[in-house]
Amino acid sequence: GVTSVIIGADTVEQVHENFVAGDITLSDGHVAQLDDASDGMCLSVRKGCPGGWVDDDDGASTGMK
């Protein structure tokens, strides 16, 4: 079988709760890799968007699935 954590959070606190529920521990090296990969990125999650898609200010579409 496959075990997975499905994350559906509205707040930073809920993200933390979901991460802890997954019983996952990341090494400092893994955290650094994730920080490097996401450097300069910005995520905006908006509720009530059809299909989870929103248009950015520049007209590009961003998927929030």
C-alpha atoms as a PDB file:
ATOM      1  CA  GLY A   1       0.000   0.000   0.000  1.00  0.00           C
ATOM      2  CA  VAL A   2       0.852   3.653  -0.230  1.00  0.00           C
ATOM      3  CA  THR A   3       0.788   6.040   2.694  1.00  0.00           C
ATOM      4  CA  SER A   4       0.568   9.762   2.051  1.00  0.00           C
ATOM      5  CA  VAL A   5      -0.312  13.009   3.756  1.00  0.00           C
ATOM      6  CA  ILE A   6      -2.822  15.182   1.929  1.00  0.00           C
ATOM      7  CA  ILE A   7      -2.201  18.804   2.754  1.00  0.00           C
ATOM      8  CA  GLY A   8      -5.052  21.274   2.581  1.00  0.00           C
ATOM      9  CA  ALA A   9      -4.158  24.250   4.728  1.00  0.00           C
ATOM     10  CA  ASP A  10      -5.470  27.800   5.033  1.00  0.00           C
ATOM     11  CA  THR A  11      -2.994  29.042   7.624  1.00  0.00           C
ATOM     12  CA  VAL A  12       0.679  28.650   8.492  1.00  0.00           C
ATOM     13  CA  GLU A  13      -0.392  26.876  11.666  1.00  0.00           C
ATOM     14  CA  GLN A  14      -2.344  24.292   9.640  1.00  0.00           C
ATOM     15  CA  VAL A  15       0.683  23.688   7.402  1.00  0.00           C
ATOM     16  CA  HIS A  16       2.747  23.017  10.525  1.00  0.00           C
ATOM     17  CA  GLU A  17       0.094  20.652  11.927  1.00  0.00           C
ATOM     18  CA  ASN A  18      -0.073  18.753   8.636  1.00  0.00           C
ATOM     19  CA  PHE A  19       3.707  18.453   8.417  1.00  0.00           C
ATOM     20  CA  VAL A  20       3.963  17.170  11.993  1.00  0.00           C
ATOM     21  CA  ALA A  21       1.157  14.664  11.328  1.00  0.00           C
ATOM     22  CA  GLY A  22       3.260  13.180   8.540  1.00  0.00           C
ATOM     23  CA  ASP A  23       5.979  12.354  11.096  1.00  0.00           C
ATOM     24  CA  ILE A  24       8.666  13.725   8.775  1.00  0.00           C
ATOM     25  CA  THR A  25      12.050  14.989   9.870  1.00  0.00           C
ATOM     26  CA  LEU A  26      14.236  16.841   7.385  1.00  0.00           C
ATOM     27  CA  SER A  27      17.972  17.174   7.809  1.00  0.00           C
ATOM     28  CA  ASP A  28      19.551  20.625   7.727  1.00  0.00           C
ATOM     29  CA  GLY A  29      20.898  19.731   4.278  1.00  0.00           C
ATOM     30  CA  HIS A  30      17.432  18.917   2.946  1.00  0.00           C
ATOM     31  CA  VAL A  31      16.018  22.153   4.372  1.00  0.00           C
ATOM     32  CA  ALA A  32      18.866  24.072   2.701  1.00  0.00           C
ATOM     33  CA  GLN A  33      18.107  22.371  -0.643  1.00  0.00           C
ATOM     34  CA  LEU A  34      14.436  23.312  -0.374  1.00  0.00           C
ATOM     35  CA  ASP A  35      15.336  26.883   0.598  1.00  0.00           C
ATOM     36  CA  ASP A  36      17.670  27.151  -2.414  1.00  0.00           C
ATOM     37  CA  ALA A  37      15.070  25.695  -4.788  1.00  0.00           C
ATOM     38  CA  SER A  38      12.370  28.100  -3.621  1.00  0.00           C
ATOM     39  CA  ASP A  39      14.542  31.213  -3.291  1.00  0.00           C
ATOM     40  CA  GLY A  40      12.771  34.172  -4.867  1.00  0.00           C
ATOM     41  CA  MET A  41       9.506  32.298  -5.361  1.00  0.00           C
ATOM     42  CA  CYS A  42       6.219  33.611  -4.046  1.00  0.00           C
ATOM     43  CA  LEU A  43       3.092  31.517  -3.551  1.00  0.00           C
ATOM     44  CA  SER A  44      -0.337  33.047  -3.324  1.00  0.00           C
ATOM     45  CA  VAL A  45      -3.300  30.824  -2.555  1.00  0.00           C
ATOM     46  CA  ARG A  46      -6.719  32.333  -3.112  1.00  0.00           C
ATOM     47  CA  LYS A  47      -9.981  30.683  -2.130  1.00  0.00           C
ATOM     48  CA  GLY A  48     -12.985  30.460  -4.407  1.00  0.00           C
ATOM     49  CA  CYS A  49     -11.023  30.262  -7.661  1.00  0.00           C
ATOM     50  CA  PRO A  50     -12.549  27.924 -10.265  1.00  0.00           C
ATOM     51  CA  GLY A  51     -10.538  24.724 -10.479  1.00  0.00           C
ATOM     52  CA  GLY A  52      -7.852  26.226  -8.261  1.00  0.00           C
ATOM     53  CA  TRP A  53      -6.516  28.460 -11.029  1.00  0.00           C
ATOM     54  CA  VAL A  54      -5.922  32.183 -10.706  1.00  0.00           C
ATOM     55  CA  ASP A  55      -4.541  34.814 -13.070  1.00  0.00           C
ATOM     56  CA  ASP A  56      -1.476  36.687 -11.884  1.00  0.00           C
ATOM     57  CA  ASP A  57      -1.203  40.436 -12.358  1.00  0.00           C
ATOM     58  CA  ASP A  58       0.939  39.875 -15.463  1.00  0.00           C
ATOM     59  CA  GLY A  59      -1.730  37.677 -17.067  1.00  0.00           C
ATOM     60  CA  ALA A  60       0.043  34.374 -16.480  1.00  0.00           C
ATOM     61  CA  SER A  61      -1.974  31.531 -14.987  1.00  0.00           C
ATOM     62  CA  THR A  62      -0.815  29.764 -11.868  1.00  0.00           C
ATOM     63  CA  GLY A  63      -2.003  26.331 -10.855  1.00  0.00           C
ATOM     64  CA  MET A  64      -2.919  25.704  -7.257  1.00  0.00           C
ATOM     65  CA  LYS A  65      -3.782  22.012  -7.272  1.00  0.00           C
END
